[in-house]
Full PDB file with SEQRES, HELIX, SHEET, SSBOND, CRYST1, ORIGX, SCALE, CONECT and MASTER records, all heavy atoms in Angstrom:
SEQRES   1 A   30  GLU LYS GLN LYS ALA SER THR GLU ALA PHE ILE GLN THR          
SEQRES   2 A   30  VAL LYS LYS THR ILE GLN TYR MET LYS GLY THR TYR ASP          
SEQRES   3 A   30  MET SER ASP LYS                                              
HELIX    1 AA1 LYS A    2  LYS A   22  1                                  21    
CRYST1    1.000    1.000    1.000  90.00  90.00  90.00 P 1           1          
ORIGX1      1.000000  0.000000  0.000000        0.00000                         
ORIGX2      0.000000  1.000000  0.000000        0.00000                         
ORIGX3      0.000000  0.000000  1.000000        0.00000                         
SCALE1      1.000000  0.000000  0.000000        0.00000                         
SCALE2      0.000000  1.000000  0.000000        0.00000                         
SCALE3      0.000000  0.000000  1.000000        0.00000                         
ATOM      1  N   GLU A   1      93.575 127.874  96.530  1.00  0.00           N  
ATOM      2  CA  GLU A   1      95.012 127.645  96.366  1.00  0.00           C  
ATOM      3  C   GLU A   1      95.484 126.509  97.266  1.00  0.00           C  
ATOM      4  O   GLU A   1      96.317 125.694  96.868  1.00  0.00           O  
ATOM      5  CB  GLU A   1      95.787 128.933  96.668  1.00  0.00           C  
ATOM      6  CG  GLU A   1      95.630 129.997  95.584  1.00  0.00           C  
ATOM      7  CD  GLU A   1      96.290 131.312  95.940  1.00  0.00           C  
ATOM      8  OE1 GLU A   1      96.537 131.541  97.152  1.00  0.00           O  
ATOM      9  OE2 GLU A   1      96.566 132.108  95.026  1.00  0.00           O  
ATOM     10  N   LYS A   2      94.925 126.441  98.485  1.00  0.00           N  
ATOM     11  CA  LYS A   2      95.281 125.348  99.391  1.00  0.00           C  
ATOM     12  C   LYS A   2      94.759 124.016  98.867  1.00  0.00           C  
ATOM     13  O   LYS A   2      95.407 122.987  98.996  1.00  0.00           O  
ATOM     14  CB  LYS A   2      94.725 125.629 100.787  1.00  0.00           C  
ATOM     15  CG  LYS A   2      95.469 126.735 101.537  1.00  0.00           C  
ATOM     16  CD  LYS A   2      94.906 126.920 102.931  1.00  0.00           C  
ATOM     17  CE  LYS A   2      95.714 127.974 103.696  1.00  0.00           C  
ATOM     18  NZ  LYS A   2      95.179 128.196 105.062  1.00  0.00           N  
ATOM     19  N   GLN A   3      93.554 124.061  98.269  1.00  0.00           N  
ATOM     20  CA  GLN A   3      92.988 122.849  97.676  1.00  0.00           C  
ATOM     21  C   GLN A   3      93.862 122.351  96.529  1.00  0.00           C  
ATOM     22  O   GLN A   3      94.115 121.149  96.399  1.00  0.00           O  
ATOM     23  CB  GLN A   3      91.579 123.138  97.176  1.00  0.00           C  
ATOM     24  CG  GLN A   3      90.863 121.919  96.593  1.00  0.00           C  
ATOM     25  CD  GLN A   3      89.449 122.251  96.157  1.00  0.00           C  
ATOM     26  OE1 GLN A   3      88.922 123.307  96.459  1.00  0.00           O  
ATOM     27  NE2 GLN A   3      88.839 121.340  95.428  1.00  0.00           N  
ATOM     28  N   LYS A   4      94.335 123.292  95.722  1.00  0.00           N  
ATOM     29  CA  LYS A   4      95.221 122.957  94.602  1.00  0.00           C  
ATOM     30  C   LYS A   4      96.517 122.338  95.117  1.00  0.00           C  
ATOM     31  O   LYS A   4      97.002 121.327  94.593  1.00  0.00           O  
ATOM     32  CB  LYS A   4      95.510 124.209  93.781  1.00  0.00           C  
ATOM     33  CG  LYS A   4      96.449 123.980  92.602  1.00  0.00           C  
ATOM     34  CD  LYS A   4      96.718 125.291  91.877  1.00  0.00           C  
ATOM     35  CE  LYS A   4      97.711 125.086  90.733  1.00  0.00           C  
ATOM     36  NZ  LYS A   4      98.006 126.376  90.042  1.00  0.00           N  
ATOM     37  N   ALA A   5      97.077 122.953  96.179  1.00  0.00           N  
ATOM     38  CA  ALA A   5      98.328 122.447  96.757  1.00  0.00           C  
ATOM     39  C   ALA A   5      98.127 121.064  97.357  1.00  0.00           C  
ATOM     40  O   ALA A   5      98.999 120.192  97.257  1.00  0.00           O  
ATOM     41  CB  ALA A   5      98.840 123.422  97.813  1.00  0.00           C  
ATOM     42  N   SER A   6      96.951 120.873  97.989  1.00  0.00           N  
ATOM     43  CA  SER A   6      96.652 119.579  98.588  1.00  0.00           C  
ATOM     44  C   SER A   6      96.551 118.493  97.529  1.00  0.00           C  
ATOM     45  O   SER A   6      97.077 117.383  97.702  1.00  0.00           O  
ATOM     46  CB  SER A   6      95.342 119.661  99.382  1.00  0.00           C  
ATOM     47  OG  SER A   6      94.980 118.405  99.900  1.00  0.00           O  
ATOM     48  N   THR A   7      95.900 118.797  96.416  1.00  0.00           N  
ATOM     49  CA  THR A   7      95.779 117.833  95.318  1.00  0.00           C  
ATOM     50  C   THR A   7      97.143 117.487  94.753  1.00  0.00           C  
ATOM     51  O   THR A   7      97.451 116.314  94.482  1.00  0.00           O  
ATOM     52  CB  THR A   7      94.879 118.398  94.206  1.00  0.00           C  
ATOM     53  OG1 THR A   7      93.590 118.689  94.743  1.00  0.00           O  
ATOM     54  CG2 THR A   7      94.737 117.407  93.059  1.00  0.00           C  
ATOM     55  N   GLU A   8      97.984 118.502  94.591  1.00  0.00           N  
ATOM     56  CA  GLU A   8      99.334 118.277  94.084  1.00  0.00           C  
ATOM     57  C   GLU A   8     100.140 117.414  95.049  1.00  0.00           C  
ATOM     58  O   GLU A   8     100.914 116.539  94.622  1.00  0.00           O  
ATOM     59  CB  GLU A   8     100.037 119.623  93.858  1.00  0.00           C  
ATOM     60  CG  GLU A   8     101.459 119.509  93.322  1.00  0.00           C  
ATOM     61  CD  GLU A   8     101.545 118.780  91.994  1.00  0.00           C  
ATOM     62  OE1 GLU A   8     100.595 118.887  91.188  1.00  0.00           O  
ATOM     63  OE2 GLU A   8     102.565 118.105  91.766  1.00  0.00           O  
ATOM     64  N   ALA A   9      99.934 117.630  96.355  1.00  0.00           N  
ATOM     65  CA  ALA A   9     100.639 116.824  97.361  1.00  0.00           C  
ATOM     66  C   ALA A   9     100.232 115.358  97.256  1.00  0.00           C  
ATOM     67  O   ALA A   9     101.073 114.460  97.379  1.00  0.00           O  
ATOM     68  CB  ALA A   9     100.349 117.355  98.762  1.00  0.00           C  
ATOM     69  N   PHE A  10      98.943 115.100  97.007  1.00  0.00           N  
ATOM     70  CA  PHE A  10      98.480 113.723  96.845  1.00  0.00           C  
ATOM     71  C   PHE A  10      99.082 113.089  95.588  1.00  0.00           C  
ATOM     72  O   PHE A  10      99.461 111.915  95.595  1.00  0.00           O  
ATOM     73  CB  PHE A  10      96.953 113.680  96.763  1.00  0.00           C  
ATOM     74  CG  PHE A  10      96.283 113.434  98.080  1.00  0.00           C  
ATOM     75  CD1 PHE A  10      95.678 114.461  98.778  1.00  0.00           C  
ATOM     76  CD2 PHE A  10      96.283 112.170  98.641  1.00  0.00           C  
ATOM     77  CE1 PHE A  10      95.078 114.244 100.000  1.00  0.00           C  
ATOM     78  CE2 PHE A  10      95.680 111.934  99.875  1.00  0.00           C  
ATOM     79  CZ  PHE A  10      95.072 112.975 100.556  1.00  0.00           C  
ATOM     80  N   ILE A  11      99.157 113.867  94.521  1.00  0.00           N  
ATOM     81  CA  ILE A  11      99.756 113.357  93.280  1.00  0.00           C  
ATOM     82  C   ILE A  11     101.197 112.944  93.520  1.00  0.00           C  
ATOM     83  O   ILE A  11     101.631 111.857  93.101  1.00  0.00           O  
ATOM     84  CB  ILE A  11      99.679 114.426  92.163  1.00  0.00           C  
ATOM     85  CG1 ILE A  11      98.221 114.643  91.737  1.00  0.00           C  
ATOM     86  CG2 ILE A  11     100.522 114.013  90.958  1.00  0.00           C  
ATOM     87  CD1 ILE A  11      98.023 115.809  90.792  1.00  0.00           C  
ATOM     88  N   GLN A  12     101.941 113.799  94.235  1.00  0.00           N  
ATOM     89  CA  GLN A  12     103.345 113.493  94.512  1.00  0.00           C  
ATOM     90  C   GLN A  12     103.478 112.274  95.424  1.00  0.00           C  
ATOM     91  O   GLN A  12     104.385 111.455  95.256  1.00  0.00           O  
ATOM     92  CB  GLN A  12     104.029 114.711  95.141  1.00  0.00           C  
ATOM     93  CG  GLN A  12     104.167 115.903  94.211  1.00  0.00           C  
ATOM     94  CD  GLN A  12     104.901 115.548  92.926  1.00  0.00           C  
ATOM     95  OE1 GLN A  12     105.921 114.858  92.941  1.00  0.00           O  
ATOM     96  NE2 GLN A  12     104.369 116.022  91.802  1.00  0.00           N  
ATOM     97  N   THR A  13     102.558 112.145  96.397  1.00  0.00           N  
ATOM     98  CA  THR A  13     102.600 110.992  97.296  1.00  0.00           C  
ATOM     99  C   THR A  13     102.350 109.701  96.529  1.00  0.00           C  
ATOM    100  O   THR A  13     103.024 108.689  96.751  1.00  0.00           O  
ATOM    101  CB  THR A  13     101.551 111.139  98.420  1.00  0.00           C  
ATOM    102  OG1 THR A  13     101.862 112.300  99.195  1.00  0.00           O  
ATOM    103  CG2 THR A  13     101.559 109.926  99.334  1.00  0.00           C  
ATOM    104  N   VAL A  14     101.370 109.727  95.623  1.00  0.00           N  
ATOM    105  CA  VAL A  14     101.085 108.540  94.805  1.00  0.00           C  
ATOM    106  C   VAL A  14     102.287 108.187  93.935  1.00  0.00           C  
ATOM    107  O   VAL A  14     102.682 107.014  93.829  1.00  0.00           O  
ATOM    108  CB  VAL A  14      99.838 108.766  93.935  1.00  0.00           C  
ATOM    109  CG1 VAL A  14      99.658 107.616  92.934  1.00  0.00           C  
ATOM    110  CG2 VAL A  14      98.599 108.889  94.807  1.00  0.00           C  
ATOM    111  N   LYS A  15     102.904 109.192  93.316  1.00  0.00           N  
ATOM    112  CA  LYS A  15     104.081 108.952  92.470  1.00  0.00           C  
ATOM    113  C   LYS A  15     105.224 108.341  93.273  1.00  0.00           C  
ATOM    114  O   LYS A  15     105.862 107.366  92.841  1.00  0.00           O  
ATOM    115  CB  LYS A  15     104.540 110.261  91.824  1.00  0.00           C  
ATOM    116  CG  LYS A  15     103.649 110.760  90.700  1.00  0.00           C  
ATOM    117  CD  LYS A  15     104.207 112.041  90.097  1.00  0.00           C  
ATOM    118  CE  LYS A  15     103.355 112.525  88.928  1.00  0.00           C  
ATOM    119  NZ  LYS A  15     103.895 113.788  88.355  1.00  0.00           N  
ATOM    120  N   LYS A  16     105.465 108.906  94.472  1.00  0.00           N  
ATOM    121  CA  LYS A  16     106.552 108.398  95.314  1.00  0.00           C  
ATOM    122  C   LYS A  16     106.259 106.988  95.797  1.00  0.00           C  
ATOM    123  O   LYS A  16     107.168 106.158  95.902  1.00  0.00           O  
ATOM    124  CB  LYS A  16     106.765 109.333  96.501  1.00  0.00           C  
ATOM    125  CG  LYS A  16     107.383 110.670  96.135  1.00  0.00           C  
ATOM    126  CD  LYS A  16     107.517 111.567  97.361  1.00  0.00           C  
ATOM    127  CE  LYS A  16     108.117 112.919  96.994  1.00  0.00           C  
ATOM    128  NZ  LYS A  16     108.213 113.817  98.176  1.00  0.00           N  
ATOM    129  N   THR A  17     104.976 106.713  96.094  1.00  0.00           N  
ATOM    130  CA  THR A  17     104.595 105.379  96.550  1.00  0.00           C  
ATOM    131  C   THR A  17     104.812 104.348  95.443  1.00  0.00           C  
ATOM    132  O   THR A  17     105.281 103.233  95.696  1.00  0.00           O  
ATOM    133  CB  THR A  17     103.128 105.354  97.011  1.00  0.00           C  
ATOM    134  OG1 THR A  17     102.942 106.332  98.044  1.00  0.00           O  
ATOM    135  CG2 THR A  17     102.747 103.993  97.565  1.00  0.00           C  
ATOM    136  N   ILE A  18     104.465 104.720  94.224  1.00  0.00           N  
ATOM    137  CA  ILE A  18     104.701 103.830  93.081  1.00  0.00           C  
ATOM    138  C   ILE A  18     106.191 103.544  92.930  1.00  0.00           C  
ATOM    139  O   ILE A  18     106.610 102.391  92.744  1.00  0.00           O  
ATOM    140  CB  ILE A  18     104.134 104.446  91.784  1.00  0.00           C  
ATOM    141  CG1 ILE A  18     102.606 104.477  91.840  1.00  0.00           C  
ATOM    142  CG2 ILE A  18     104.597 103.661  90.552  1.00  0.00           C  
ATOM    143  CD1 ILE A  18     101.965 105.252  90.699  1.00  0.00           C  
ATOM    144  N   GLN A  19     107.009 104.595  93.049  1.00  0.00           N  
ATOM    145  CA  GLN A  19     108.463 104.425  92.948  1.00  0.00           C  
ATOM    146  C   GLN A  19     108.990 103.559  94.098  1.00  0.00           C  
ATOM    147  O   GLN A  19     109.873 102.718  93.906  1.00  0.00           O  
ATOM    148  CB  GLN A  19     109.151 105.795  92.960  1.00  0.00           C  
ATOM    149  CG  GLN A  19     108.874 106.638  91.730  1.00  0.00           C  
ATOM    150  CD  GLN A  19     109.412 108.059  91.847  1.00  0.00           C  
ATOM    151  OE1 GLN A  19     109.770 108.497  92.933  1.00  0.00           O  
ATOM    152  NE2 GLN A  19     109.462 108.764  90.733  1.00  0.00           N  
ATOM    153  N   TYR A  20     108.417 103.771  95.286  1.00  0.00           N  
ATOM    154  CA  TYR A  20     108.810 102.986  96.465  1.00  0.00           C  
ATOM    155  C   TYR A  20     108.484 101.502  96.256  1.00  0.00           C  
ATOM    156  O   TYR A  20     109.288 100.616  96.564  1.00  0.00           O  
ATOM    157  CB  TYR A  20     108.076 103.529  97.690  1.00  0.00           C  
ATOM    158  CG  TYR A  20     108.218 102.702  98.943  1.00  0.00           C  
ATOM    159  CD1 TYR A  20     109.405 102.703  99.674  1.00  0.00           C  
ATOM    160  CD2 TYR A  20     107.152 101.922  99.399  1.00  0.00           C  
ATOM    161  CE1 TYR A  20     109.533 101.944 100.827  1.00  0.00           C  
ATOM    162  CE2 TYR A  20     107.268 101.152 100.548  1.00  0.00           C  
ATOM    163  CZ  TYR A  20     108.460 101.169 101.262  1.00  0.00           C  
ATOM    164  OH  TYR A  20     108.578 100.411 102.396  1.00  0.00           O  
ATOM    165  N   MET A  21     107.300 101.238  95.705  1.00  0.00           N  
ATOM    166  CA  MET A  21     106.887  99.853  95.465  1.00  0.00           C  
ATOM    167  C   MET A  21     107.737  99.193  94.374  1.00  0.00           C  
ATOM    168  O   MET A  21     107.921  97.966  94.371  1.00  0.00           O  
ATOM    169  CB  MET A  21     105.401  99.815  95.094  1.00  0.00           C  
ATOM    170  CG  MET A  21     104.474 100.255  96.237  1.00  0.00           C  
ATOM    171  SD  MET A  21     102.745 100.394  95.752  1.00  0.00           S  
ATOM    172  CE  MET A  21     102.315  98.657  95.599  1.00  0.00           C  
ATOM    173  N   LYS A  22     108.262  99.997  93.471  1.00  0.00           N  
ATOM    174  CA  LYS A  22     109.136  99.479  92.414  1.00  0.00           C  
ATOM    175  C   LYS A  22     110.578  99.352  92.880  1.00  0.00           C  
ATOM    176  O   LYS A  22     111.422  98.789  92.163  1.00  0.00           O  
ATOM    177  CB  LYS A  22     109.083 100.399  91.185  1.00  0.00           C  
ATOM    178  CG  LYS A  22     107.777 100.338  90.410  1.00  0.00           C  
ATOM    179  CD  LYS A  22     107.816 101.276  89.211  1.00  0.00           C  
ATOM    180  CE  LYS A  22     106.542 101.159  88.365  1.00  0.00           C  
ATOM    181  NZ  LYS A  22     106.586 102.088  87.198  1.00  0.00           N  
ATOM    182  N   GLY A  23     110.843  99.907  94.086  1.00  0.00           N  
ATOM    183  CA  GLY A  23     112.191  99.827  94.627  1.00  0.00           C  
ATOM    184  C   GLY A  23     113.140 100.889  94.122  1.00  0.00           C  
ATOM    185  O   GLY A  23     114.360 100.777  94.274  1.00  0.00           O  
ATOM    186  N   THR A  24     112.585 101.965  93.524  1.00  0.00           N  
ATOM    187  CA  THR A  24     113.435 103.025  92.975  1.00  0.00           C  
ATOM    188  C   THR A  24     113.444 104.285  93.844  1.00  0.00           C  
ATOM    189  O   THR A  24     114.065 105.278  93.489  1.00  0.00           O  
ATOM    190  CB  THR A  24     112.967 103.405  91.560  1.00  0.00           C  
ATOM    191  OG1 THR A  24     111.594 103.845  91.619  1.00  0.00           O  
ATOM    192  CG2 THR A  24     113.075 102.219  90.612  1.00  0.00           C  
ATOM    193  N   TYR A  25     112.732 104.245  94.982  1.00  0.00           N  
ATOM    194  CA  TYR A  25     112.686 105.413  95.859  1.00  0.00           C  
ATOM    195  C   TYR A  25     112.545 104.959  97.306  1.00  0.00           C  
ATOM    196  O   TYR A  25     111.738 104.061  97.607  1.00  0.00           O  
ATOM    197  CB  TYR A  25     111.515 106.328  95.481  1.00  0.00           C  
ATOM    198  CG  TYR A  25     111.385 107.574  96.331  1.00  0.00           C  
ATOM    199  CD1 TYR A  25     112.232 108.652  96.144  1.00  0.00           C  
ATOM    200  CD2 TYR A  25     110.416 107.656  97.333  1.00  0.00           C  
ATOM    201  CE1 TYR A  25     112.128 109.793  96.920  1.00  0.00           C  
ATOM    202  CE2 TYR A  25     110.297 108.797  98.121  1.00  0.00           C  
ATOM    203  CZ  TYR A  25     111.159 109.863  97.903  1.00  0.00           C  
ATOM    204  OH  TYR A  25     111.058 110.987  98.682  1.00  0.00           O  
ATOM    205  N   ASP A  26     113.330 105.547  98.187  1.00  0.00           N  
ATOM    206  CA  ASP A  26     113.283 105.206  99.614  1.00  0.00           C  
ATOM    207  C   ASP A  26     112.333 106.172 100.305  1.00  0.00           C  
ATOM    208  O   ASP A  26     112.716 107.279 100.676  1.00  0.00           O  
ATOM    209  CB  ASP A  26     114.690 105.298 100.215  1.00  0.00           C  
ATOM    210  CG  ASP A  26     114.708 104.821 101.668  1.00  0.00           C  
ATOM    211  OD1 ASP A  26     113.738 104.160 102.084  1.00  0.00           O  
ATOM    212  OD2 ASP A  26     115.695 105.128 102.373  1.00  0.00           O  
ATOM    213  N   MET A  27     111.085 105.757 100.470  1.00  0.00           N  
ATOM    214  CA  MET A  27     110.034 106.633 101.017  1.00  0.00           C  
ATOM    215  C   MET A  27     109.977 106.514 102.534  1.00  0.00           C  
ATOM    216  O   MET A  27     109.862 105.410 103.081  1.00  0.00           O  
ATOM    217  CB  MET A  27     108.678 106.253 100.406  1.00  0.00           C  
ATOM    218  CG  MET A  27     107.557 107.215 100.711  1.00  0.00           C  
ATOM    219  SD  MET A  27     106.028 106.701  99.882  1.00  0.00           S  
ATOM    220  CE  MET A  27     105.050 108.200 100.040  1.00  0.00           C  
ATOM    221  N   SER A  28     110.030 107.657 103.217  1.00  0.00           N  
ATOM    222  CA  SER A  28     109.962 107.649 104.672  1.00  0.00           C  
ATOM    223  C   SER A  28     108.521 107.447 105.133  1.00  0.00           C  
ATOM    224  O   SER A  28     107.565 107.700 104.393  1.00  0.00           O  
ATOM    225  CB  SER A  28     110.503 108.962 105.235  1.00  0.00           C  
ATOM    226  OG  SER A  28     109.625 110.037 104.931  1.00  0.00           O  
ATOM    227  N   ASP A  29     108.373 106.989 106.381  1.00  0.00           N  
ATOM    228  CA  ASP A  29     107.029 106.812 106.932  1.00  0.00           C  
ATOM    229  C   ASP A  29     106.281 108.140 106.989  1.00  0.00           C  
ATOM    230  O   ASP A  29     105.067 108.206 106.770  1.00  0.00           O  
ATOM    231  CB  ASP A  29     107.119 106.206 108.339  1.00  0.00           C  
ATOM    232  CG  ASP A  29     107.580 104.753 108.306  1.00  0.00           C  
ATOM    233  OD1 ASP A  29     107.432 104.114 107.252  1.00  0.00           O  
ATOM    234  OD2 ASP A  29     108.097 104.283 109.330  1.00  0.00           O  
ATOM    235  N   LYS A  30     106.996 109.222 107.286  1.00  0.00           N  
ATOM    236  CA  LYS A  30     106.375 110.545 107.364  1.00  0.00           C  
ATOM    237  C   LYS A  30     105.774 110.947 106.030  1.00  0.00           C  
ATOM    238  O   LYS A  30     104.671 111.492 105.967  1.00  0.00           O  
ATOM    239  CB  LYS A  30     107.396 111.585 107.820  1.00  0.00           C  
ATOM    240  CG  LYS A  30     106.807 112.980 108.000  1.00  0.00           C  
ATOM    241  CD  LYS A  30     107.852 113.959 108.500  1.00  0.00           C  
ATOM    242  CE  LYS A  30     107.245 115.356 108.688  1.00  0.00           C  
ATOM    243  NZ  LYS A  30     108.243 116.325 109.175  1.00  0.00           N  
TER     244      LYS A  30                                                      
MASTER        0    0    0    1    0    0    0    6  243    1    0    3          
END                                                                             
């Protein structure tokens, strides 16, 4: 379950990073 949650966290980080690079999301350093 932790592995599943970790994978999902990476997916969300990649999505947010893509949005950040497109200028549609203000991603914090944390």
